[in-house]
Amino acid sequence: MKRNVLAKLLLTGMVLVAGLCVLLPGAVAQEDGAHAEEASADDGGLGTLGIAIAAGLAVGLCGIGTGMAQSAVGAGGTGAMAEKPELFTNVLILFAIPETIVLFGFVIAIMMQGKI
């Protein structure tokens, strides 16, 4: 029960953050090139904040997903190895596969930070 409520809260929060990231740039856009000479791409404005939040979300959400996947693999793998110890190599490989999700999230975050 509590897990369903937590999942709904996380999903709602992610939808709100995504909506803000989509709608906020249009709301604060400059009109007709006003002050165009003062604004530059790397002025540390809302675009930089959005990229930083997106990079943090990429790593954080990938970490949460990896933790959930590894907990399921670890529980199932422990039971399987208790019955058949020769399954250690297979369980180790299955335990390492979700770890690549965090690495992909980290690479995406580094690529986003390169845009700042």
PDB file of N, CA and C in Angstrom:
ATOM      1  N   MET A   1       0.826  -1.196   0.000  1.00  0.00           N
ATOM      2  CA  MET A   1       0.000   0.000   0.000  1.00  0.00           C
ATOM      3  C   MET A   1       0.867   1.255   0.000  1.00  0.00           C
ATOM      4  N   LYS A   2       1.848   1.318   0.914  1.00  0.00           N
ATOM      5  CA  LYS A   2       2.700   2.495   0.998  1.00  0.00           C
ATOM      6  C   LYS A   2       3.560   2.638  -0.250  1.00  0.00           C
ATOM      7  N   ARG A   3       3.938   1.509  -0.844  1.00  0.00           N
ATOM      8  CA  ARG A   3       4.759   1.559  -2.048  1.00  0.00           C
ATOM      9  C   ARG A   3       3.974   2.160  -3.209  1.00  0.00           C
ATOM     10  N   ASN A   4       2.684   1.844  -3.308  1.00  0.00           N
ATOM     11  CA  ASN A   4       1.852   2.415  -4.365  1.00  0.00           C
ATOM     12  C   ASN A   4       1.699   3.917  -4.192  1.00  0.00           C
ATOM     13  N   VAL A   5       1.530   4.361  -2.965  1.00  0.00           N
ATOM     14  CA  VAL A   5       1.386   5.783  -2.695  1.00  0.00           C
ATOM     15  C   VAL A   5       2.690   6.506  -3.028  1.00  0.00           C
ATOM     16  N   LEU A   6       3.830   5.912  -2.644  1.00  0.00           N
ATOM     17  CA  LEU A   6       5.117   6.510  -2.940  1.00  0.00           C
ATOM     18  C   LEU A   6       5.359   6.574  -4.449  1.00  0.00           C
ATOM     19  N   ALA A   7       4.987   5.531  -5.155  1.00  0.00           N
ATOM     20  CA  ALA A   7       5.143   5.512  -6.612  1.00  0.00           C
ATOM     21  C   ALA A   7       4.285   6.601  -7.257  1.00  0.00           C
ATOM     22  N   LYS A   8       3.063   6.776  -6.772  1.00  0.00           N
ATOM     23  CA  LYS A   8       2.195   7.818  -7.322  1.00  0.00           C
ATOM     24  C   LYS A   8       2.750   9.209  -7.039  1.00  0.00           C
ATOM     25  N   LEU A   9       3.303   9.412  -5.850  1.00  0.00           N
ATOM     26  CA  LEU A   9       3.896  10.713  -5.518  1.00  0.00           C
ATOM     27  C   LEU A   9       5.116  10.992  -6.385  1.00  0.00           C
ATOM     28  N   LEU A  10       5.968   9.994  -6.572  1.00  0.00           N
ATOM     29  CA  LEU A  10       7.146  10.179  -7.417  1.00  0.00           C
ATOM     30  C   LEU A  10       6.749  10.475  -8.855  1.00  0.00           C
ATOM     31  N   LEU A  11       5.770   9.762  -9.362  1.00  0.00           N
ATOM     32  CA  LEU A  11       5.309   9.984 -10.732  1.00  0.00           C
ATOM     33  C   LEU A  11       4.713  11.381 -10.880  1.00  0.00           C
ATOM     34  N   THR A  12       3.923  11.807  -9.913  1.00  0.00           N
ATOM     35  CA  THR A  12       3.341  13.146  -9.952  1.00  0.00           C
ATOM     36  C   THR A  12       4.429  14.205  -9.924  1.00  0.00           C
ATOM     37  N   GLY A  13       5.426  14.019  -9.080  1.00  0.00           N
ATOM     38  CA  GLY A  13       6.539  14.969  -9.007  1.00  0.00           C
ATOM     39  C   GLY A  13       7.313  15.036 -10.306  1.00  0.00           C
ATOM     40  N   MET A  14       7.549  13.884 -10.928  1.00  0.00           N
ATOM     41  CA  MET A  14       8.281  13.867 -12.194  1.00  0.00           C
ATOM     42  C   MET A  14       7.490  14.564 -13.293  1.00  0.00           C
ATOM     43  N   VAL A  15       6.172  14.358 -13.306  1.00  0.00           N
ATOM     44  CA  VAL A  15       5.336  15.010 -14.317  1.00  0.00           C
ATOM     45  C   VAL A  15       5.343  16.518 -14.108  1.00  0.00           C
ATOM     46  N   LEU A  16       5.294  16.967 -12.852  1.00  0.00           N
ATOM     47  CA  LEU A  16       5.333  18.404 -12.575  1.00  0.00           C
ATOM     48  C   LEU A  16       6.652  19.023 -12.992  1.00  0.00           C
ATOM     49  N   VAL A  17       7.763  18.369 -12.686  1.00  0.00           N
ATOM     50  CA  VAL A  17       9.080  18.891 -13.067  1.00  0.00           C
ATOM     51  C   VAL A  17       9.221  18.919 -14.580  1.00  0.00           C
ATOM     52  N   ALA A  18       8.756  17.868 -15.252  1.00  0.00           N
ATOM     53  CA  ALA A  18       8.819  17.842 -16.716  1.00  0.00           C
ATOM     54  C   ALA A  18       7.959  18.954 -17.310  1.00  0.00           C
ATOM     55  N   GLY A  19       6.792  19.168 -16.740  1.00  0.00           N
ATOM     56  CA  GLY A  19       5.932  20.248 -17.211  1.00  0.00           C
ATOM     57  C   GLY A  19       6.574  21.609 -17.028  1.00  0.00           C
ATOM     58  N   LEU A  20       7.232  21.806 -15.891  1.00  0.00           N
ATOM     59  CA  LEU A  20       7.941  23.068 -15.659  1.00  0.00           C
ATOM     60  C   LEU A  20       9.059  23.256 -16.668  1.00  0.00           C
ATOM     61  N   CYS A  21       9.804  22.194 -16.940  1.00  0.00           N
ATOM     62  CA  CYS A  21      10.917  22.289 -17.888  1.00  0.00           C
ATOM     63  C   CYS A  21      10.421  22.593 -19.292  1.00  0.00           C
ATOM     64  N   VAL A  22       9.221  22.157 -19.623  1.00  0.00           N
ATOM     65  CA  VAL A  22       8.678  22.405 -20.958  1.00  0.00           C
ATOM     66  C   VAL A  22       8.049  23.800 -21.037  1.00  0.00           C
ATOM     67  N   LEU A  23       7.310  24.196 -20.024  1.00  0.00           N
ATOM     68  CA  LEU A  23       6.547  25.433 -20.092  1.00  0.00           C
ATOM     69  C   LEU A  23       7.305  26.672 -19.642  1.00  0.00           C
ATOM     70  N   LEU A  24       8.272  26.541 -18.760  1.00  0.00           N
ATOM     71  CA  LEU A  24       8.953  27.702 -18.200  1.00  0.00           C
ATOM     72  C   LEU A  24       9.736  28.507 -19.232  1.00  0.00           C
ATOM     73  N   PRO A  25      10.479  27.900 -20.154  1.00  0.00           N
ATOM     74  CA  PRO A  25      11.212  28.726 -21.120  1.00  0.00           C
ATOM     75  C   PRO A  25      10.302  29.622 -21.965  1.00  0.00           C
ATOM     76  N   GLY A  26       9.131  29.144 -22.322  1.00  0.00           N
ATOM     77  CA  GLY A  26       8.207  29.972 -23.088  1.00  0.00           C
ATOM     78  C   GLY A  26       7.642  31.114 -22.264  1.00  0.00           C
ATOM     79  N   ALA A  27       7.495  30.901 -20.978  1.00  0.00           N
ATOM     80  CA  ALA A  27       6.921  31.930 -20.117  1.00  0.00           C
ATOM     81  C   ALA A  27       7.897  33.067 -19.856  1.00  0.00           C
ATOM     82  N   VAL A  28       9.185  32.794 -19.883  1.00  0.00           N
ATOM     83  CA  VAL A  28      10.167  33.828 -19.576  1.00  0.00           C
ATOM     84  C   VAL A  28      10.948  34.261 -20.813  1.00  0.00           C
ATOM     85  N   ALA A  29      10.450  33.906 -22.002  1.00  0.00           N
ATOM     86  CA  ALA A  29      11.141  34.257 -23.243  1.00  0.00           C
ATOM     87  C   ALA A  29      11.099  35.763 -23.467  1.00  0.00           C
ATOM     88  N   GLN A  30      12.151  36.268 -24.102  1.00  0.00           N
ATOM     89  CA  GLN A  30      12.196  37.691 -24.424  1.00  0.00           C
ATOM     90  C   GLN A  30      11.337  37.969 -25.641  1.00  0.00           C
ATOM     91  N   GLU A  31      10.806  39.188 -25.687  1.00  0.00           N
ATOM     92  CA  GLU A  31       9.952  39.563 -26.801  1.00  0.00           C
ATOM     93  C   GLU A  31      10.729  40.396 -27.811  1.00  0.00           C
ATOM     94  N   ASP A  32      10.586  40.075 -29.086  1.00  0.00           N
ATOM     95  CA  ASP A  32      11.102  40.876 -30.202  1.00  0.00           C
ATOM     96  C   ASP A  32      12.572  41.252 -30.048  1.00  0.00           C
ATOM     97  N   GLY A  33      13.381  40.396 -29.513  1.00  0.00           N
ATOM     98  CA  GLY A  33      14.822  40.654 -29.421  1.00  0.00           C
ATOM     99  C   GLY A  33      15.189  41.731 -28.426  1.00  0.00           C
ATOM    100  N   ALA A  34      14.308  42.058 -27.505  1.00  0.00           N
ATOM    101  CA  ALA A  34      14.611  43.077 -26.510  1.00  0.00           C
ATOM    102  C   ALA A  34      15.775  42.632 -25.646  1.00  0.00           C
ATOM    103  N   HIS A  35      16.721  43.501 -25.464  1.00  0.00           N
ATOM    104  CA  HIS A  35      17.915  43.240 -24.645  1.00  0.00           C
ATOM    105  C   HIS A  35      18.707  42.044 -25.170  1.00  0.00           C
ATOM    106  N   ALA A  36      18.673  41.825 -26.461  1.00  0.00           N
ATOM    107  CA  ALA A  36      19.378  40.682 -27.033  1.00  0.00           C
ATOM    108  C   ALA A  36      20.878  40.815 -26.871  1.00  0.00           C
ATOM    109  N   GLU A  37      21.380  42.060 -26.875  1.00  0.00           N
ATOM    110  CA  GLU A  37      22.815  42.240 -26.720  1.00  0.00           C
ATOM    111  C   GLU A  37      23.285  41.944 -25.297  1.00  0.00           C
ATOM    112  N   GLU A  38      22.382  42.029 -24.338  1.00  0.00           N
ATOM    113  CA  GLU A  38      22.758  41.755 -22.952  1.00  0.00           C
ATOM    114  C   GLU A  38      22.710  40.270 -22.620  1.00  0.00           C
ATOM    115  N   ALA A  39      21.858  39.529 -23.315  1.00  0.00           N
ATOM    116  CA  ALA A  39      21.687  38.102 -23.020  1.00  0.00           C
ATOM    117  C   ALA A  39      22.636  37.282 -23.885  1.00  0.00           C
ATOM    118  N   SER A  40      23.208  36.287 -23.290  1.00  0.00           N
ATOM    119  CA  SER A  40      24.052  35.367 -24.041  1.00  0.00           C
ATOM    120  C   SER A  40      23.684  33.949 -23.654  1.00  0.00           C
ATOM    121  N   ALA A  41      24.215  32.975 -24.387  1.00  0.00           N
ATOM    122  CA  ALA A  41      23.854  31.577 -24.149  1.00  0.00           C
ATOM    123  C   ALA A  41      24.389  31.062 -22.825  1.00  0.00           C
ATOM    124  N   ASP A  42      25.466  31.633 -22.321  1.00  0.00           N
ATOM    125  CA  ASP A  42      26.081  31.120 -21.101  1.00  0.00           C
ATOM    126  C   ASP A  42      26.016  32.127 -19.962  1.00  0.00           C
ATOM    127  N   ASP A  43      24.887  32.830 -19.848  1.00  0.00           N
ATOM    128  CA  ASP A  43      24.771  33.855 -18.823  1.00  0.00           C
ATOM    129  C   ASP A  43      24.324  33.311 -17.464  1.00  0.00           C
ATOM    130  N   GLY A  44      24.142  32.029 -17.337  1.00  0.00           N
ATOM    131  CA  GLY A  44      23.779  31.447 -16.044  1.00  0.00           C
ATOM    132  C   GLY A  44      22.315  31.634 -15.701  1.00  0.00           C
ATOM    133  N   GLY A  45      21.455  31.712 -16.683  1.00  0.00           N
ATOM    134  CA  GLY A  45      20.042  31.958 -16.455  1.00  0.00           C
ATOM    135  C   GLY A  45      19.258  30.686 -16.188  1.00  0.00           C
ATOM    136  N   LEU A  46      17.995  30.743 -16.552  1.00  0.00           N
ATOM    137  CA  LEU A  46      17.101  29.614 -16.311  1.00  0.00           C
ATOM    138  C   LEU A  46      17.447  28.403 -17.154  1.00  0.00           C
ATOM    139  N   GLY A  47      18.045  28.610 -18.316  1.00  0.00           N
ATOM    140  CA  GLY A  47      18.462  27.479 -19.135  1.00  0.00           C
ATOM    141  C   GLY A  47      19.507  26.638 -18.429  1.00  0.00           C
ATOM    142  N   THR A  48      20.454  27.316 -17.784  1.00  0.00           N
ATOM    143  CA  THR A  48      21.486  26.608 -17.022  1.00  0.00           C
ATOM    144  C   THR A  48      20.875  25.870 -15.849  1.00  0.00           C
ATOM    145  N   LEU A  49      19.921  26.490 -15.187  1.00  0.00           N
ATOM    146  CA  LEU A  49      19.240  25.838 -14.063  1.00  0.00           C
ATOM    147  C   LEU A  49      18.477  24.610 -14.540  1.00  0.00           C
ATOM    148  N   GLY A  50      17.808  24.711 -15.670  1.00  0.00           N
ATOM    149  CA  GLY A  50      17.071  23.572 -16.210  1.00  0.00           C
ATOM    150  C   GLY A  50      17.984  22.413 -16.569  1.00  0.00           C
ATOM    151  N   ILE A  51      19.145  22.728 -17.156  1.00  0.00           N
ATOM    152  CA  ILE A  51      20.087  21.673 -17.508  1.00  0.00           C
ATOM    153  C   ILE A  51      20.637  21.014 -16.248  1.00  0.00           C
ATOM    154  N   ALA A  52      20.923  21.804 -15.234  1.00  0.00           N
ATOM    155  CA  ALA A  52      21.440  21.238 -13.984  1.00  0.00           C
ATOM    156  C   ALA A  52      20.403  20.339 -13.307  1.00  0.00           C
ATOM    157  N   ILE A  53      19.156  20.758 -13.310  1.00  0.00           N
ATOM    158  CA  ILE A  53      18.091  19.935 -12.717  1.00  0.00           C
ATOM    159  C   ILE A  53      17.914  18.652 -13.523  1.00  0.00           C
ATOM    160  N   ALA A  54      17.950  18.762 -14.851  1.00  0.00           N
ATOM    161  CA  ALA A  54      17.803  17.580 -15.698  1.00  0.00           C
ATOM    162  C   ALA A  54      18.945  16.596 -15.487  1.00  0.00           C
ATOM    163  N   ALA A  55      20.164  17.107 -15.329  1.00  0.00           N
ATOM    164  CA  ALA A  55      21.313  16.226 -15.097  1.00  0.00           C
ATOM    165  C   ALA A  55      21.183  15.520 -13.748  1.00  0.00           C
ATOM    166  N   GLY A  56      20.748  16.236 -12.741  1.00  0.00           N
ATOM    167  CA  GLY A  56      20.536  15.616 -11.435  1.00  0.00           C
ATOM    168  C   GLY A  56      19.438  14.569 -11.466  1.00  0.00           C
ATOM    169  N   LEU A  57      18.366  14.872 -12.186  1.00  0.00           N
ATOM    170  CA  LEU A  57      17.279  13.902 -12.312  1.00  0.00           C
ATOM    171  C   LEU A  57      17.729  12.665 -13.085  1.00  0.00           C
ATOM    172  N   ALA A  58      18.567  12.864 -14.091  1.00  0.00           N
ATOM    173  CA  ALA A  58      19.046  11.723 -14.882  1.00  0.00           C
ATOM    174  C   ALA A  58      19.803  10.743 -13.999  1.00  0.00           C
ATOM    175  N   VAL A  59      20.721  11.258 -13.191  1.00  0.00           N
ATOM    176  CA  VAL A  59      21.508  10.375 -12.331  1.00  0.00           C
ATOM    177  C   VAL A  59      20.654   9.818 -11.193  1.00  0.00           C
ATOM    178  N   GLY A  60      19.847  10.664 -10.573  1.00  0.00           N
ATOM    179  CA  GLY A  60      19.049  10.230  -9.430  1.00  0.00           C
ATOM    180  C   GLY A  60      18.008   9.187  -9.774  1.00  0.00           C
ATOM    181  N   LEU A  61      17.262   9.423 -10.831  1.00  0.00           N
ATOM    182  CA  LEU A  61      16.216   8.472 -11.207  1.00  0.00           C
ATOM    183  C   LEU A  61      16.804   7.171 -11.740  1.00  0.00           C
ATOM    184  N   CYS A  62      17.936   7.274 -12.434  1.00  0.00           N
ATOM    185  CA  CYS A  62      18.606   6.038 -12.875  1.00  0.00           C
ATOM    186  C   CYS A  62      19.100   5.250 -11.671  1.00  0.00           C
ATOM    187  N   GLY A  63      19.567   5.943 -10.654  1.00  0.00           N
ATOM    188  CA  GLY A  63      20.009   5.255  -9.436  1.00  0.00           C
ATOM    189  C   GLY A  63      18.860   4.559  -8.718  1.00  0.00           C
ATOM    190  N   ILE A  64      17.713   5.217  -8.666  1.00  0.00           N
ATOM    191  CA  ILE A  64      16.550   4.604  -8.021  1.00  0.00           C
ATOM    192  C   ILE A  64      16.108   3.369  -8.798  1.00  0.00           C
ATOM    193  N   GLY A  65      16.062   3.487 -10.120  1.00  0.00           N
ATOM    194  CA  GLY A  65      15.674   2.339 -10.944  1.00  0.00           C
ATOM    195  C   GLY A  65      16.640   1.181 -10.802  1.00  0.00           C
ATOM    196  N   THR A  66      17.934   1.486 -10.750  1.00  0.00           N
ATOM    197  CA  THR A  66      18.937   0.440 -10.584  1.00  0.00           C
ATOM    198  C   THR A  66      18.803  -0.237  -9.234  1.00  0.00           C
ATOM    199  N   GLY A  67      18.555   0.540  -8.203  1.00  0.00           N
ATOM    200  CA  GLY A  67      18.383  -0.045  -6.865  1.00  0.00           C
ATOM    201  C   GLY A  67      17.197  -0.982  -6.803  1.00  0.00           C
ATOM    202  N   MET A  68      16.106  -0.589  -7.439  1.00  0.00           N
ATOM    203  CA  MET A  68      14.936  -1.460  -7.447  1.00  0.00           C
ATOM    204  C   MET A  68      15.205  -2.748  -8.221  1.00  0.00           C
ATOM    205  N   ALA A  69      15.891  -2.622  -9.362  1.00  0.00           N
ATOM    206  CA  ALA A  69      16.194  -3.812 -10.164  1.00  0.00           C
ATOM    207  C   ALA A  69      17.165  -4.733  -9.441  1.00  0.00           C
ATOM    208  N   GLN A  70      18.186  -4.165  -8.812  1.00  0.00           N
ATOM    209  CA  GLN A  70      19.175  -4.986  -8.126  1.00  0.00           C
ATOM    210  C   GLN A  70      18.599  -5.645  -6.879  1.00  0.00           C
ATOM    211  N   SER A  71      17.638  -5.007  -6.252  1.00  0.00           N
ATOM    212  CA  SER A  71      17.029  -5.656  -5.086  1.00  0.00           C
ATOM    213  C   SER A  71      16.253  -6.906  -5.505  1.00  0.00           C
ATOM    214  N   ALA A  72      15.558  -6.816  -6.625  1.00  0.00           N
ATOM    215  CA  ALA A  72      14.818  -7.994  -7.113  1.00  0.00           C
ATOM    216  C   ALA A  72      15.769  -9.093  -7.568  1.00  0.00           C
ATOM    217  N   VAL A  73      16.820  -8.718  -8.290  1.00  0.00           N
ATOM    218  CA  VAL A  73      17.789  -9.708  -8.753  1.00  0.00           C
ATOM    219  C   VAL A  73      18.527 -10.322  -7.572  1.00  0.00           C
ATOM    220  N   GLY A  74      18.873  -9.508  -6.595  1.00  0.00           N
ATOM    221  CA  GLY A  74      19.586 -10.025  -5.429  1.00  0.00           C
ATOM    222  C   GLY A  74      18.753 -11.002  -4.628  1.00  0.00           C
ATOM    223  N   ALA A  75      17.481 -10.691  -4.447  1.00  0.00           N
ATOM    224  CA  ALA A  75      16.609 -11.595  -3.694  1.00  0.00           C
ATOM    225  C   ALA A  75      16.418 -12.918  -4.431  1.00  0.00           C
ATOM    226  N   GLY A  76      16.144 -12.818  -5.725  1.00  0.00           N
ATOM    227  CA  GLY A  76      15.953 -14.038  -6.503  1.00  0.00           C
ATOM    228  C   GLY A  76      17.243 -14.825  -6.667  1.00  0.00           C
ATOM    229  N   GLY A  77      18.345 -14.113  -6.847  1.00  0.00           N
ATOM    230  CA  GLY A  77      19.630 -14.769  -7.022  1.00  0.00           C
ATOM    231  C   GLY A  77      20.104 -15.487  -5.778  1.00  0.00           C
ATOM    232  N   THR A  78      19.841 -14.922  -4.627  1.00  0.00           N
ATOM    233  CA  THR A  78      20.220 -15.573  -3.377  1.00  0.00           C
ATOM    234  C   THR A  78      19.474 -16.889  -3.200  1.00  0.00           C
ATOM    235  N   GLY A  79      18.196 -16.869  -3.516  1.00  0.00           N
ATOM    236  CA  GLY A  79      17.407 -18.102  -3.425  1.00  0.00           C
ATOM    237  C   GLY A  79      17.866 -19.144  -4.425  1.00  0.00           C
ATOM    238  N   ALA A  80      18.198 -18.698  -5.645  1.00  0.00           N
ATOM    239  CA  ALA A  80      18.650 -19.640  -6.668  1.00  0.00           C
ATOM    240  C   ALA A  80      20.007 -20.247  -6.295  1.00  0.00           C
ATOM    241  N   MET A  81      20.899 -19.418  -5.756  1.00  0.00           N
ATOM    242  CA  MET A  81      22.228 -19.931  -5.381  1.00  0.00           C
ATOM    243  C   MET A  81      22.165 -20.833  -4.159  1.00  0.00           C
ATOM    244  N   ALA A  82      21.163 -20.648  -3.329  1.00  0.00           N
ATOM    245  CA  ALA A  82      21.023 -21.537  -2.176  1.00  0.00           C
ATOM    246  C   ALA A  82      20.695 -22.957  -2.636  1.00  0.00           C
ATOM    247  N   GLU A  83      19.936 -23.062  -3.721  1.00  0.00           N
ATOM    248  CA  GLU A  83      19.592 -24.381  -4.245  1.00  0.00           C
ATOM    249  C   GLU A  83      20.660 -24.933  -5.188  1.00  0.00           C
ATOM    250  N   LYS A  84      21.233 -24.055  -6.020  1.00  0.00           N
ATOM    251  CA  LYS A  84      22.251 -24.489  -6.991  1.00  0.00           C
ATOM    252  C   LYS A  84      23.426 -23.510  -6.946  1.00  0.00           C
ATOM    253  N   PRO A  85      24.476 -23.835  -6.216  1.00  0.00           N
ATOM    254  CA  PRO A  85      25.623 -22.922  -6.111  1.00  0.00           C
ATOM    255  C   PRO A  85      26.328 -22.651  -7.442  1.00  0.00           C
ATOM    256  N   GLU A  86      26.161 -23.497  -8.425  1.00  0.00           N
ATOM    257  CA  GLU A  86      26.819 -23.283  -9.710  1.00  0.00           C
ATOM    258  C   GLU A  86      26.195 -22.131 -10.508  1.00  0.00           C
ATOM    259  N   LEU A  87      25.108 -21.557 -10.038  1.00  0.00           N
ATOM    260  CA  LEU A  87      24.469 -20.425 -10.705  1.00  0.00           C
ATOM    261  C   LEU A  87      25.105 -19.083 -10.331  1.00  0.00           C
ATOM    262  N   PHE A  88      26.192 -19.103  -9.569  1.00  0.00           N
ATOM    263  CA  PHE A  88      26.813 -17.867  -9.098  1.00  0.00           C
ATOM    264  C   PHE A  88      27.178 -16.943 -10.260  1.00  0.00           C
ATOM    265  N   THR A  89      27.789 -17.472 -11.303  1.00  0.00           N
ATOM    266  CA  THR A  89      28.221 -16.646 -12.428  1.00  0.00           C
ATOM    267  C   THR A  89      27.023 -16.005 -13.130  1.00  0.00           C
ATOM    268  N   ASN A  90      25.979 -16.747 -13.334  1.00  0.00           N
ATOM    269  CA  ASN A  90      24.783 -16.197 -13.977  1.00  0.00           C
ATOM    270  C   ASN A  90      24.153 -15.093 -13.135  1.00  0.00           C
ATOM    271  N   VAL A  91      24.087 -15.317 -11.832  1.00  0.00           N
ATOM    272  CA  VAL A  91      23.497 -14.315 -10.943  1.00  0.00           C
ATOM    273  C   VAL A  91      24.368 -13.065 -10.903  1.00  0.00           C
ATOM    274  N   LEU A  92      25.677 -13.251 -10.912  1.00  0.00           N
ATOM    275  CA  LEU A  92      26.588 -12.104 -10.909  1.00  0.00           C
ATOM    276  C   LEU A  92      26.409 -11.261 -12.173  1.00  0.00           C
ATOM    277  N   ILE A  93      26.269 -11.913 -13.311  1.00  0.00           N
ATOM    278  CA  ILE A  93      26.039 -11.188 -14.564  1.00  0.00           C
ATOM    279  C   ILE A  93      24.695 -10.470 -14.525  1.00  0.00           C
ATOM    280  N   LEU A  94      23.663 -11.140 -14.052  1.00  0.00           N
ATOM    281  CA  LEU A  94      22.342 -10.502 -13.955  1.00  0.00           C
ATOM    282  C   LEU A  94      22.343  -9.350 -12.955  1.00  0.00           C
ATOM    283  N   PHE A  95      23.197  -9.432 -11.946  1.00  0.00           N
ATOM    284  CA  PHE A  95      23.283  -8.355 -10.961  1.00  0.00           C
ATOM    285  C   PHE A  95      24.027  -7.154 -11.536  1.00  0.00           C
ATOM    286  N   ALA A  96      24.938  -7.384 -12.478  1.00  0.00           N
ATOM    287  CA  ALA A  96      25.723  -6.292 -13.059  1.00  0.00           C
ATOM    288  C   ALA A  96      24.983  -5.563 -14.175  1.00  0.00           C
ATOM    289  N   ILE A  97      24.040  -6.208 -14.821  1.00  0.00           N
ATOM    290  CA  ILE A  97      23.341  -5.586 -15.950  1.00  0.00           C
ATOM    291  C   ILE A  97      22.601  -4.302 -15.550  1.00  0.00           C
ATOM    292  N   PRO A  98      21.846  -4.267 -14.448  1.00  0.00           N
ATOM    293  CA  PRO A  98      21.169  -3.006 -14.109  1.00  0.00           C
ATOM    294  C   PRO A  98      22.130  -1.872 -13.764  1.00  0.00           C
ATOM    295  N   GLU A  99      23.356  -2.200 -13.408  1.00  0.00           N
ATOM    296  CA  GLU A  99      24.322  -1.160 -13.065  1.00  0.00           C
ATOM    297  C   GLU A  99      24.640  -0.288 -14.274  1.00  0.00           C
ATOM    298  N   THR A 100      24.472  -0.828 -15.476  1.00  0.00           N
ATOM    299  CA  THR A 100      24.728  -0.028 -16.670  1.00  0.00           C
ATOM    300  C   THR A 100      23.717   1.110 -16.807  1.00  0.00           C
ATOM    301  N   ILE A 101      22.558   0.957 -16.200  1.00  0.00           N
ATOM    302  CA  ILE A 101      21.565   2.032 -16.261  1.00  0.00           C
ATOM    303  C   ILE A 101      22.107   3.281 -15.588  1.00  0.00           C
ATOM    304  N   VAL A 102      22.774   3.118 -14.449  1.00  0.00           N
ATOM    305  CA  VAL A 102      23.359   4.267 -13.752  1.00  0.00           C
ATOM    306  C   VAL A 102      24.475   4.872 -14.587  1.00  0.00           C
ATOM    307  N   LEU A 103      25.266   4.023 -15.232  1.00  0.00           N
ATOM    308  CA  LEU A 103      26.338   4.549 -16.068  1.00  0.00           C
ATOM    309  C   LEU A 103      25.785   5.361 -17.229  1.00  0.00           C
ATOM    310  N   PHE A 104      24.697   4.902 -17.842  1.00  0.00           N
ATOM    311  CA  PHE A 104      24.069   5.668 -18.916  1.00  0.00           C
ATOM    312  C   PHE A 104      23.543   7.004 -18.396  1.00  0.00           C
ATOM    313  N   GLY A 105      22.910   6.999 -17.226  1.00  0.00           N
ATOM    314  CA  GLY A 105      22.435   8.244 -16.630  1.00  0.00           C
ATOM    315  C   GLY A 105      23.573   9.203 -16.334  1.00  0.00           C
ATOM    316  N   PHE A 106      24.697   8.661 -15.863  1.00  0.00           N
ATOM    317  CA  PHE A 106      25.863   9.488 -15.567  1.00  0.00           C
ATOM    318  C   PHE A 106      26.438  10.088 -16.852  1.00  0.00           C
ATOM    319  N   VAL A 107      26.515   9.300 -17.910  1.00  0.00           N
ATOM    320  CA  VAL A 107      27.027   9.805 -19.189  1.00  0.00           C
ATOM    321  C   VAL A 107      26.113  10.894 -19.741  1.00  0.00           C
ATOM    322  N   ILE A 108      24.812  10.698 -19.631  1.00  0.00           N
ATOM    323  CA  ILE A 108      23.864  11.711 -20.100  1.00  0.00           C
ATOM    324  C   ILE A 108      24.015  12.996 -19.291  1.00  0.00           C
ATOM    325  N   ALA A 109      24.199  12.858 -17.969  1.00  0.00           N
ATOM    326  CA  ALA A 109      24.387  14.045 -17.132  1.00  0.00           C
ATOM    327  C   ALA A 109      25.660  14.787 -17.513  1.00  0.00           C
ATOM    328  N   ILE A 110      26.743  14.068 -17.791  1.00  0.00           N
ATOM    329  CA  ILE A 110      27.995  14.708 -18.213  1.00  0.00           C
ATOM    330  C   ILE A 110      27.789  15.432 -19.548  1.00  0.00           C
ATOM    331  N   MET A 111      27.045  14.805 -20.456  1.00  0.00           N
ATOM    332  CA  MET A 111      26.779  15.451 -21.746  1.00  0.00           C
ATOM    333  C   MET A 111      25.946  16.714 -21.553  1.00  0.00           C
ATOM    334  N   MET A 112      24.992  16.684 -20.634  1.00  0.00           N
ATOM    335  CA  MET A 112      24.190  17.884 -20.363  1.00  0.00           C
ATOM    336  C   MET A 112      25.025  18.975 -19.737  1.00  0.00           C
ATOM    337  N   GLN A 113      25.918  18.615 -18.836  1.00  0.00           N
ATOM    338  CA  GLN A 113      26.765  19.605 -18.184  1.00  0.00           C
ATOM    339  C   GLN A 113      27.714  20.251 -19.186  1.00  0.00           C
ATOM    340  N   GLY A 114      28.047  19.551 -20.250  1.00  0.00           N
ATOM    341  CA  GLY A 114      28.880  20.130 -21.298  1.00  0.00           C
ATOM    342  C   GLY A 114      28.177  21.252 -22.052  1.00  0.00           C
ATOM    343  N   LYS A 115      26.852  21.303 -21.980  1.00  0.00           N
ATOM    344  CA  LYS A 115      26.079  22.346 -22.640  1.00  0.00           C
ATOM    345  C   LYS A 115      26.057  23.643 -21.840  1.00  0.00           C
ATOM    346  N   ILE A 116      26.396  23.561 -20.562  1.00  0.00           N
ATOM    347  CA  ILE A 116      26.325  24.762 -19.697  1.00  0.00           C
ATOM    348  C   ILE A 116      27.486  25.683 -20.007  1.00  0.00           C
TER     349      ILE A 116
END
